[in-house]
Protein backbone atom coordinates (compact mmCIF):
# COMPACT_ATOMS: atom_id res chain seq x y z
CA MET A 1 77.07 36.42 122.00
CA GLY A 2 78.21 38.11 118.79
CA THR A 3 76.63 40.63 116.49
CA PRO A 4 72.90 40.54 115.82
CA GLU A 5 71.79 39.03 112.54
CA PRO A 6 70.31 41.44 109.99
CA SER A 7 66.54 41.44 109.93
CA ILE A 8 64.30 41.43 106.87
CA GLU A 9 63.44 45.08 107.51
CA ASP A 10 67.14 46.00 107.31
CA LEU A 11 67.43 44.37 103.89
CA PHE A 12 64.52 46.35 102.42
CA GLU A 13 65.09 49.76 103.94
CA GLN A 14 63.67 52.70 102.03
CA LYS A 15 66.95 54.62 101.85
CA LYS A 16 68.66 51.85 99.86
CA ARG A 17 66.05 52.14 97.12
CA ILE A 18 66.44 55.92 97.08
CA ARG A 19 70.24 55.68 96.89
CA ASN A 20 70.18 53.04 94.22
CA PRO A 21 67.06 53.33 92.05
CA LEU A 22 68.60 51.65 89.00
CA VAL A 23 69.04 48.21 90.59
CA PRO A 24 65.30 47.42 90.87
CA ILE A 25 64.85 48.73 87.33
CA GLY A 26 67.67 46.48 86.13
CA ALA A 27 66.16 43.49 87.92
CA LEU A 28 62.79 44.11 86.30
CA MET A 29 64.43 44.52 82.89
CA THR A 30 66.31 41.25 83.38
CA ALA A 31 63.09 39.45 84.29
CA GLY A 32 61.29 40.99 81.30
CA VAL A 33 63.95 40.01 78.78
CA LEU A 34 64.11 36.51 80.27
CA THR A 35 60.35 36.13 79.99
CA ALA A 36 60.33 37.36 76.40
CA GLY A 37 63.14 34.98 75.53
CA LEU A 38 61.37 31.99 77.06
CA ILE A 39 58.15 32.88 75.24
CA SER A 40 59.97 33.16 71.92
CA PHE A 41 61.65 29.77 72.48
CA ARG A 42 58.26 28.25 73.24
CA GLN A 43 56.82 29.71 70.04
CA GLY A 44 59.64 28.14 68.03
CA ASN A 45 61.58 31.29 67.18
CA SER A 46 64.95 30.09 68.43
CA GLN A 47 66.98 32.82 66.69
CA LEU A 48 65.11 35.60 68.51
CA GLY A 49 65.22 33.58 71.72
CA GLN A 50 69.02 33.34 71.50
CA ARG A 51 69.32 37.09 70.95
CA LEU A 52 67.08 37.77 73.94
CA MET A 53 69.07 35.39 76.15
CA ARG A 54 72.26 37.20 75.18
CA ALA A 55 70.58 40.51 75.95
CA ARG A 56 69.50 39.11 79.32
CA VAL A 57 73.12 38.29 80.18
CA ILE A 58 74.17 41.84 79.30
CA VAL A 59 71.35 43.44 81.31
CA GLN A 60 71.99 41.13 84.25
CA GLY A 61 75.71 41.94 84.17
CA ALA A 62 74.96 45.65 84.12
CA THR A 63 72.65 45.24 87.11
CA VAL A 64 75.32 43.39 89.09
CA ALA A 65 77.88 46.04 88.13
CA LEU A 66 75.51 48.74 89.41
CA MET A 67 75.07 46.87 92.67
CA VAL A 68 78.82 46.47 93.19
CA GLY A 69 79.53 50.04 92.11
CA THR A 70 77.02 51.65 94.42
CA ALA A 71 78.02 49.40 97.33
CA THR A 72 81.62 50.49 96.79
CA TYR A 73 80.66 54.14 96.41
CA TYR A 74 78.54 54.26 99.56
CA GLY A 75 80.89 52.03 101.54
CA ASP A 76 78.37 49.30 102.24
CA SER A 77 79.75 46.00 103.35
CA PHE A 78 78.38 42.53 103.67
CA PRO A 79 76.60 41.78 106.93
CA LYS A 80 78.81 40.26 109.59
CA PHE A 81 77.63 36.83 110.60
CA PRO A 82 78.64 35.24 113.88
CA LYS A 83 81.39 32.67 113.71
CA PHE A 84 80.51 29.24 114.93
CA PRO A 85 83.02 27.13 116.84
CA GLY A 86 84.66 24.53 114.65
CA PHE A 87 84.18 26.39 111.34
């Protein structure tokens, strides 16, 4: 029947947050900079909004790099999904 699918509890295990505490911080920083940029665009300050959007891209890239780096360091791999016939 194949391998079991990962459950929601497996995705949010406590040890992953302990091993990799910077990823949630990076995600929150990305959301904060995005929110500030959208607010500044709405207020008509497009120059500041552009700077904040560029900062968001940098923070988001750093967060993704942390995720990939720690997954490589700890040897995590993507979950194995069952193969369906015909695909």
